Amino acid sequence: MKIKLLLGVTLGLGLMATSCKKEGCTDVDATNYNSEAKKDDGTCTFEGKHVVWYGEEASNNLVMDDATTLTYYVDGQIVGSGASNIFWTGAPECGQDGSVTITKDLGSVKTQSYTYSVLDQTGWEYWSGVFNFNANTCTGVELTW
């Protein structure tokens, strides 16, 4: 009787140990990555960023064109604004003070495209196009004249 009981306890513990794999997001590019998860449960979510800037030449041309303020739109929604006479001498870092950094929730996909436009205070469009956001990435985009 002692042998049967010991065997039952041993088998029971063995089954518990193998069926307790921690589930979660196992993709290191995800915003909700779980380093303790051993099995992916399909809940991974992603985010991508763009930092948008222009240099002195573009700034000078904007000012000569009477543009004083620029407003940045992604998929028709305002994502930032700034004075046209402020420029960068090199690419800013994502999130750097004074930069226009756009963060997009990509949901469960690792890449997503969005339209953008940059308008002055009168509604004149200076730049437009498509941004491709990639998971766990900050892409610098220089707007040139």
N, C-alpha and C. Protein backbone atom coordinates (compact mmCIF):
# COMPACT_ATOMS: atom_id res chain seq x y z
N MET A 1 0.82 -1.18 0.00
CA MET A 1 0.00 0.00 0.00
C MET A 1 0.87 1.25 0.00
N LYS A 2 2.00 1.23 0.73
CA LYS A 2 2.90 2.36 0.74
C LYS A 2 3.50 2.59 -0.64
N ILE A 3 3.79 1.55 -1.38
CA ILE A 3 4.38 1.68 -2.73
C ILE A 3 3.38 2.33 -3.67
N LYS A 4 2.13 1.95 -3.64
CA LYS A 4 1.10 2.54 -4.49
C LYS A 4 0.92 4.02 -4.19
N LEU A 5 0.91 4.40 -2.94
CA LEU A 5 0.72 5.77 -2.54
C LEU A 5 1.90 6.63 -3.00
N LEU A 6 3.12 6.14 -2.80
CA LEU A 6 4.32 6.87 -3.21
C LEU A 6 4.34 7.03 -4.72
N LEU A 7 4.00 6.00 -5.47
CA LEU A 7 3.96 6.06 -6.93
C LEU A 7 2.92 7.06 -7.38
N GLY A 8 1.78 7.09 -6.75
CA GLY A 8 0.72 8.04 -7.10
C GLY A 8 1.15 9.47 -6.85
N VAL A 9 1.81 9.75 -5.76
CA VAL A 9 2.28 11.09 -5.44
C VAL A 9 3.35 11.51 -6.45
N THR A 10 4.27 10.62 -6.79
CA THR A 10 5.34 10.93 -7.74
C THR A 10 4.77 11.23 -9.12
N LEU A 11 3.86 10.41 -9.61
CA LEU A 11 3.25 10.65 -10.92
C LEU A 11 2.44 11.94 -10.92
N GLY A 12 1.74 12.20 -9.85
CA GLY A 12 0.93 13.42 -9.76
C GLY A 12 1.80 14.67 -9.83
N LEU A 13 2.92 14.71 -9.14
CA LEU A 13 3.82 15.86 -9.17
C LEU A 13 4.45 16.02 -10.54
N GLY A 14 4.79 14.92 -11.17
CA GLY A 14 5.38 14.98 -12.51
C GLY A 14 4.42 15.57 -13.52
N LEU A 15 3.14 15.22 -13.44
CA LEU A 15 2.15 15.77 -14.35
C LEU A 15 1.92 17.25 -14.09
N MET A 16 1.94 17.65 -12.83
CA MET A 16 1.76 19.07 -12.50
C MET A 16 2.91 19.90 -13.05
N ALA A 17 4.11 19.41 -12.94
CA ALA A 17 5.29 20.17 -13.37
C ALA A 17 5.29 20.37 -14.89
N THR A 18 4.86 19.39 -15.65
CA THR A 18 4.89 19.52 -17.11
C THR A 18 3.71 20.32 -17.65
N SER A 19 2.63 20.43 -16.93
CA SER A 19 1.47 21.14 -17.45
C SER A 19 1.43 22.60 -16.98
N CYS A 20 2.44 23.08 -16.29
CA CYS A 20 2.45 24.44 -15.75
C CYS A 20 3.42 25.35 -16.52
N LYS A 21 3.52 25.21 -17.83
CA LYS A 21 4.36 26.12 -18.61
C LYS A 21 3.71 27.49 -18.60
N LYS A 22 4.48 28.50 -18.24
CA LYS A 22 3.95 29.86 -18.18
C LYS A 22 3.72 30.36 -19.60
N GLU A 23 2.52 30.87 -19.84
CA GLU A 23 2.17 31.42 -21.15
C GLU A 23 2.24 32.93 -21.12
N GLY A 24 2.49 33.52 -22.28
CA GLY A 24 2.55 34.97 -22.41
C GLY A 24 3.15 35.33 -23.76
N CYS A 25 3.51 36.57 -23.93
CA CYS A 25 4.11 37.03 -25.18
C CYS A 25 5.60 36.72 -25.16
N THR A 26 6.06 35.97 -26.14
CA THR A 26 7.47 35.57 -26.20
C THR A 26 8.26 36.31 -27.28
N ASP A 27 7.66 37.31 -27.93
CA ASP A 27 8.34 38.07 -28.98
C ASP A 27 9.05 39.28 -28.36
N VAL A 28 10.37 39.33 -28.46
CA VAL A 28 11.15 40.40 -27.82
C VAL A 28 10.85 41.78 -28.40
N ASP A 29 10.26 41.87 -29.58
CA ASP A 29 9.90 43.15 -30.17
C ASP A 29 8.58 43.70 -29.65
N ALA A 30 7.86 42.94 -28.89
CA ALA A 30 6.54 43.34 -28.41
C ALA A 30 6.64 44.25 -27.20
N THR A 31 5.64 45.10 -27.04
CA THR A 31 5.59 45.99 -25.88
C THR A 31 5.25 45.22 -24.60
N ASN A 32 4.63 44.07 -24.76
CA ASN A 32 4.25 43.25 -23.60
C ASN A 32 5.05 41.95 -23.54
N TYR A 33 6.29 41.98 -24.01
CA TYR A 33 7.17 40.81 -23.96
C TYR A 33 7.32 40.33 -22.52
N ASN A 34 7.24 39.02 -22.33
CA ASN A 34 7.37 38.44 -21.00
C ASN A 34 8.53 37.44 -21.03
N SER A 35 9.64 37.80 -20.43
CA SER A 35 10.83 36.95 -20.47
C SER A 35 10.63 35.64 -19.70
N GLU A 36 9.64 35.59 -18.83
CA GLU A 36 9.37 34.37 -18.07
C GLU A 36 8.46 33.40 -18.82
N ALA A 37 7.81 33.87 -19.87
CA ALA A 37 6.88 33.01 -20.62
C ALA A 37 7.67 31.98 -21.42
N LYS A 38 7.19 30.77 -21.39
CA LYS A 38 7.81 29.66 -22.14
C LYS A 38 6.99 29.27 -23.36
N LYS A 39 5.73 29.70 -23.39
CA LYS A 39 4.85 29.36 -24.49
C LYS A 39 4.10 30.63 -24.90
N ASP A 40 4.15 30.95 -26.21
CA ASP A 40 3.47 32.15 -26.70
C ASP A 40 1.96 31.92 -26.70
N ASP A 41 1.24 32.89 -26.15
CA ASP A 41 -0.22 32.75 -26.07
C ASP A 41 -0.95 33.62 -27.08
N GLY A 42 -0.21 34.25 -28.02
CA GLY A 42 -0.84 35.04 -29.08
C GLY A 42 -1.30 36.42 -28.66
N THR A 43 -0.83 36.92 -27.52
CA THR A 43 -1.28 38.23 -27.04
C THR A 43 -0.29 39.36 -27.31
N CYS A 44 0.76 39.11 -28.08
CA CYS A 44 1.79 40.14 -28.32
C CYS A 44 1.19 41.38 -28.98
N THR A 45 1.63 42.55 -28.52
CA THR A 45 1.24 43.82 -29.11
C THR A 45 2.51 44.62 -29.44
N PHE A 46 2.43 45.43 -30.50
CA PHE A 46 3.62 46.11 -31.00
C PHE A 46 3.39 47.60 -31.13
N GLU A 47 4.51 48.34 -31.19
CA GLU A 47 4.48 49.78 -31.29
C GLU A 47 5.67 50.21 -32.14
N GLY A 48 5.47 51.24 -32.97
CA GLY A 48 6.55 51.78 -33.78
C GLY A 48 6.59 53.30 -33.64
N LYS A 49 7.76 53.88 -33.94
CA LYS A 49 7.93 55.33 -33.79
C LYS A 49 8.64 55.92 -35.00
N HIS A 50 8.32 57.18 -35.27
CA HIS A 50 9.03 58.00 -36.25
C HIS A 50 9.35 59.33 -35.58
N VAL A 51 10.55 59.84 -35.84
CA VAL A 51 10.89 61.19 -35.42
C VAL A 51 11.08 61.99 -36.71
N VAL A 52 10.35 63.09 -36.83
CA VAL A 52 10.31 63.88 -38.06
C VAL A 52 11.04 65.20 -37.82
N TRP A 53 11.88 65.60 -38.79
CA TRP A 53 12.66 66.81 -38.61
C TRP A 53 13.03 67.41 -39.97
N TYR A 54 13.52 68.64 -39.95
CA TYR A 54 14.06 69.29 -41.15
C TYR A 54 15.22 70.18 -40.73
N GLY A 55 16.06 70.44 -41.72
CA GLY A 55 17.27 71.21 -41.47
C GLY A 55 17.11 72.70 -41.76
N GLU A 56 18.23 73.39 -41.74
CA GLU A 56 18.23 74.85 -41.89
C GLU A 56 17.70 75.30 -43.24
N GLU A 57 18.06 74.62 -44.32
CA GLU A 57 17.58 75.03 -45.65
C GLU A 57 16.05 74.99 -45.73
N ALA A 58 15.46 73.90 -45.28
CA ALA A 58 14.00 73.80 -45.30
C ALA A 58 13.38 74.88 -44.42
N SER A 59 13.97 75.11 -43.25
CA SER A 59 13.45 76.14 -42.35
C SER A 59 13.50 77.52 -43.00
N ASN A 60 14.63 77.86 -43.61
CA ASN A 60 14.76 79.16 -44.28
C ASN A 60 13.72 79.32 -45.39
N ASN A 61 13.51 78.28 -46.16
CA ASN A 61 12.52 78.34 -47.24
C ASN A 61 11.10 78.45 -46.71
N LEU A 62 10.81 77.78 -45.62
CA LEU A 62 9.48 77.89 -45.00
C LEU A 62 9.24 79.32 -44.53
N VAL A 63 10.23 79.90 -43.87
CA VAL A 63 10.10 81.27 -43.36
C VAL A 63 9.93 82.25 -44.52
N MET A 64 10.72 82.08 -45.59
CA MET A 64 10.58 82.95 -46.77
C MET A 64 9.22 82.79 -47.43
N ASP A 65 8.60 81.64 -47.24
CA ASP A 65 7.29 81.37 -47.81
C ASP A 65 6.16 81.80 -46.86
N ASP A 66 6.52 82.49 -45.79
CA ASP A 66 5.58 82.99 -44.77
C ASP A 66 4.90 81.90 -43.94
N ALA A 67 5.49 80.72 -43.93
CA ALA A 67 4.99 79.66 -43.04
C ALA A 67 5.58 79.93 -41.66
N THR A 68 4.74 80.05 -40.66
CA THR A 68 5.22 80.32 -39.30
C THR A 68 5.09 79.11 -38.39
N THR A 69 4.04 78.33 -38.61
CA THR A 69 3.77 77.16 -37.78
C THR A 69 3.45 75.97 -38.68
N LEU A 70 3.96 74.81 -38.30
CA LEU A 70 3.65 73.58 -39.02
C LEU A 70 2.88 72.63 -38.11
N THR A 71 1.89 71.96 -38.69
CA THR A 71 1.13 70.95 -37.97
C THR A 71 1.30 69.63 -38.70
N TYR A 72 1.59 68.57 -37.93
CA TYR A 72 1.86 67.24 -38.47
C TYR A 72 0.64 66.36 -38.25
N TYR A 73 0.24 65.67 -39.30
CA TYR A 73 -0.92 64.78 -39.25
C TYR A 73 -0.51 63.37 -39.66
N VAL A 74 -1.06 62.37 -38.99
CA VAL A 74 -0.91 60.98 -39.40
C VAL A 74 -2.31 60.40 -39.46
N ASP A 75 -2.67 59.89 -40.62
CA ASP A 75 -4.03 59.38 -40.87
C ASP A 75 -5.09 60.39 -40.47
N GLY A 76 -4.84 61.68 -40.78
CA GLY A 76 -5.80 62.74 -40.55
C GLY A 76 -5.87 63.27 -39.13
N GLN A 77 -5.07 62.73 -38.22
CA GLN A 77 -5.10 63.19 -36.84
C GLN A 77 -3.83 63.96 -36.51
N ILE A 78 -3.97 65.06 -35.78
CA ILE A 78 -2.82 65.86 -35.39
C ILE A 78 -1.94 65.06 -34.43
N VAL A 79 -0.63 65.01 -34.76
CA VAL A 79 0.33 64.29 -33.91
C VAL A 79 1.44 65.20 -33.39
N GLY A 80 1.45 66.46 -33.84
CA GLY A 80 2.48 67.39 -33.37
C GLY A 80 2.42 68.70 -34.12
N SER A 81 3.15 69.69 -33.60
CA SER A 81 3.24 70.98 -34.26
C SER A 81 4.50 71.68 -33.78
N GLY A 82 4.88 72.73 -34.52
CA GLY A 82 6.06 73.48 -34.12
C GLY A 82 6.28 74.68 -35.01
N ALA A 83 7.15 75.57 -34.57
CA ALA A 83 7.48 76.76 -35.33
C ALA A 83 8.38 76.39 -36.51
N SER A 84 8.14 77.00 -37.65
CA SER A 84 8.90 76.67 -38.86
C SER A 84 10.34 77.17 -38.80
N ASN A 85 10.64 78.13 -37.93
CA ASN A 85 12.00 78.66 -37.86
C ASN A 85 12.90 77.86 -36.92
N ILE A 86 12.40 76.78 -36.38
CA ILE A 86 13.21 75.90 -35.53
C ILE A 86 13.59 74.68 -36.36
N PHE A 87 14.90 74.42 -36.44
CA PHE A 87 15.40 73.33 -37.29
C PHE A 87 16.46 72.53 -36.54
N TRP A 88 16.85 71.42 -37.15
CA TRP A 88 17.85 70.53 -36.58
C TRP A 88 19.09 70.54 -37.47
N THR A 89 20.27 70.45 -36.85
CA THR A 89 21.51 70.34 -37.62
C THR A 89 21.88 68.88 -37.83
N GLY A 90 21.15 68.00 -37.24
CA GLY A 90 21.31 66.55 -37.39
C GLY A 90 20.06 65.89 -36.86
N ALA A 91 19.91 64.64 -37.13
CA ALA A 91 18.69 63.92 -36.73
C ALA A 91 18.54 63.87 -35.22
N PRO A 92 17.37 64.25 -34.70
CA PRO A 92 17.12 64.11 -33.26
C PRO A 92 16.81 62.66 -32.91
N GLU A 93 16.93 62.36 -31.64
CA GLU A 93 16.54 61.05 -31.13
C GLU A 93 15.03 61.02 -30.95
N CYS A 94 14.43 59.86 -31.02
CA CYS A 94 13.01 59.73 -30.73
C CYS A 94 12.73 60.24 -29.33
N GLY A 95 11.72 61.09 -29.21
CA GLY A 95 11.33 61.62 -27.92
C GLY A 95 12.17 62.79 -27.43
N GLN A 96 13.18 63.18 -28.20
CA GLN A 96 14.02 64.29 -27.78
C GLN A 96 13.20 65.58 -27.69
N ASP A 97 13.47 66.38 -26.67
CA ASP A 97 12.75 67.64 -26.48
C ASP A 97 12.79 68.47 -27.76
N GLY A 98 11.64 69.00 -28.14
CA GLY A 98 11.54 69.84 -29.32
C GLY A 98 11.34 69.07 -30.61
N SER A 99 11.45 67.76 -30.58
CA SER A 99 11.25 66.98 -31.80
C SER A 99 9.78 66.58 -31.94
N VAL A 100 9.40 66.22 -33.15
CA VAL A 100 8.07 65.67 -33.37
C VAL A 100 8.25 64.16 -33.48
N THR A 101 7.89 63.47 -32.41
CA THR A 101 7.99 62.02 -32.38
C THR A 101 6.58 61.45 -32.41
N ILE A 102 6.36 60.55 -33.35
CA ILE A 102 5.03 59.95 -33.54
C ILE A 102 5.11 58.49 -33.12
N THR A 103 4.26 58.10 -32.22
CA THR A 103 4.21 56.72 -31.76
C THR A 103 2.88 56.12 -32.20
N LYS A 104 2.94 54.97 -32.84
CA LYS A 104 1.72 54.30 -33.30
C LYS A 104 1.61 52.91 -32.67
N ASP A 105 0.44 52.62 -32.16
CA ASP A 105 0.12 51.29 -31.66
C ASP A 105 -0.17 50.43 -32.89
N LEU A 106 0.63 49.41 -33.10
CA LEU A 106 0.49 48.55 -34.27
C LEU A 106 -0.41 47.35 -34.02
N GLY A 107 -0.91 47.24 -32.80
CA GLY A 107 -1.77 46.09 -32.48
C GLY A 107 -0.97 44.81 -32.51
N SER A 108 -1.49 43.81 -33.18
CA SER A 108 -0.84 42.50 -33.19
C SER A 108 0.06 42.29 -34.41
N VAL A 109 0.25 43.35 -35.23
CA VAL A 109 1.12 43.22 -36.40
C VAL A 109 2.44 43.95 -36.17
N LYS A 110 3.50 43.53 -36.84
CA LYS A 110 4.82 44.10 -36.62
C LYS A 110 5.14 45.27 -37.54
N THR A 111 4.35 45.50 -38.56
CA THR A 111 4.56 46.63 -39.44
C THR A 111 3.22 47.14 -39.95
N GLN A 112 3.14 48.46 -40.09
CA GLN A 112 1.89 49.07 -40.52
C GLN A 112 2.21 50.38 -41.23
N SER A 113 1.47 50.70 -42.29
CA SER A 113 1.67 51.94 -43.03
C SER A 113 0.57 52.94 -42.69
N TYR A 114 0.98 54.22 -42.59
CA TYR A 114 0.05 55.32 -42.31
C TYR A 114 0.39 56.50 -43.21
N THR A 115 -0.61 57.24 -43.64
CA THR A 115 -0.36 58.44 -44.44
C THR A 115 -0.03 59.60 -43.50
N TYR A 116 0.78 60.52 -44.00
CA TYR A 116 1.10 61.70 -43.21
C TYR A 116 1.03 62.94 -44.09
N SER A 117 0.86 64.09 -43.45
CA SER A 117 0.94 65.38 -44.14
C SER A 117 1.40 66.43 -43.14
N VAL A 118 2.06 67.45 -43.67
CA VAL A 118 2.55 68.56 -42.85
C VAL A 118 2.02 69.84 -43.48
N LEU A 119 1.23 70.59 -42.70
CA LEU A 119 0.57 71.80 -43.19
C LEU A 119 1.02 73.01 -42.39
N ASP A 120 1.01 74.17 -43.05
CA ASP A 120 1.31 75.41 -42.32
C ASP A 120 0.04 75.98 -41.72
N GLN A 121 0.16 77.16 -41.11
CA GLN A 121 -0.95 77.78 -40.40
C GLN A 121 -2.11 78.16 -41.31
N THR A 122 -1.89 78.22 -42.62
CA THR A 122 -2.97 78.55 -43.56
C THR A 122 -3.62 77.31 -44.14
N GLY A 123 -3.05 76.13 -43.85
CA GLY A 123 -3.57 74.89 -44.41
C GLY A 123 -2.82 74.43 -45.65
N TRP A 124 -1.77 75.17 -46.04
CA TRP A 124 -0.96 74.79 -47.20
C TRP A 124 -0.14 73.55 -46.86
N GLU A 125 -0.24 72.54 -47.71
CA GLU A 125 0.48 71.28 -47.47
C GLU A 125 1.89 71.35 -48.06
N TYR A 126 2.89 71.19 -47.20
CA TYR A 126 4.28 71.20 -47.64
C TYR A 126 4.82 69.80 -47.90
N TRP A 127 4.43 68.85 -47.11
CA TRP A 127 4.89 67.48 -47.30
C TRP A 127 3.73 66.52 -47.07
N SER A 128 3.79 65.38 -47.76
CA SER A 128 2.83 64.30 -47.54
C SER A 128 3.44 63.01 -48.06
N GLY A 129 2.89 61.91 -47.62
CA GLY A 129 3.39 60.61 -48.06
C GLY A 129 2.92 59.51 -47.13
N VAL A 130 3.75 58.48 -47.04
CA VAL A 130 3.42 57.30 -46.23
C VAL A 130 4.59 57.00 -45.30
N PHE A 131 4.28 56.77 -44.04
CA PHE A 131 5.25 56.29 -43.07
C PHE A 131 5.00 54.81 -42.86
N ASN A 132 6.06 54.02 -42.88
CA ASN A 132 5.98 52.60 -42.53
C ASN A 132 6.53 52.42 -41.13
N PHE A 133 5.66 52.14 -40.19
CA PHE A 133 6.06 51.94 -38.81
C PHE A 133 6.41 50.48 -38.60
N ASN A 134 7.53 50.22 -37.93
CA ASN A 134 7.99 48.86 -37.64
C ASN A 134 8.11 48.66 -36.14
N ALA A 135 7.78 47.47 -35.69
CA ALA A 135 7.78 47.15 -34.27
C ALA A 135 9.13 47.42 -33.63
N ASN A 136 9.08 48.03 -32.45
CA ASN A 136 10.26 48.25 -31.63
C ASN A 136 11.34 49.03 -32.34
N THR A 137 10.94 49.95 -33.21
CA THR A 137 11.89 50.71 -34.01
C THR A 137 11.52 52.18 -33.99
N CYS A 138 12.54 53.02 -33.98
CA CYS A 138 12.35 54.46 -34.17
C CYS A 138 13.05 54.84 -35.48
N THR A 139 12.27 55.33 -36.42
CA THR A 139 12.80 55.71 -37.73
C THR A 139 12.87 57.23 -37.83
N GLY A 140 14.03 57.76 -38.19
CA GLY A 140 14.18 59.19 -38.39
C GLY A 140 13.82 59.55 -39.82
N VAL A 141 13.02 60.60 -39.99
CA VAL A 141 12.59 61.04 -41.32
C VAL A 141 12.92 62.53 -41.46
N GLU A 142 13.82 62.85 -42.36
CA GLU A 142 14.12 64.25 -42.63
C GLU A 142 13.22 64.75 -43.75
N LEU A 143 12.54 65.85 -43.49
CA LEU A 143 11.72 66.50 -44.51
C LEU A 143 12.64 67.48 -45.24
N THR A 144 12.80 67.29 -46.53
CA THR A 144 13.71 68.15 -47.30
C THR A 144 12.94 69.06 -48.23
N TRP A 145 13.55 70.18 -48.54
CA TRP A 145 12.91 71.18 -49.37
C TRP A 145 12.98 70.81 -50.83
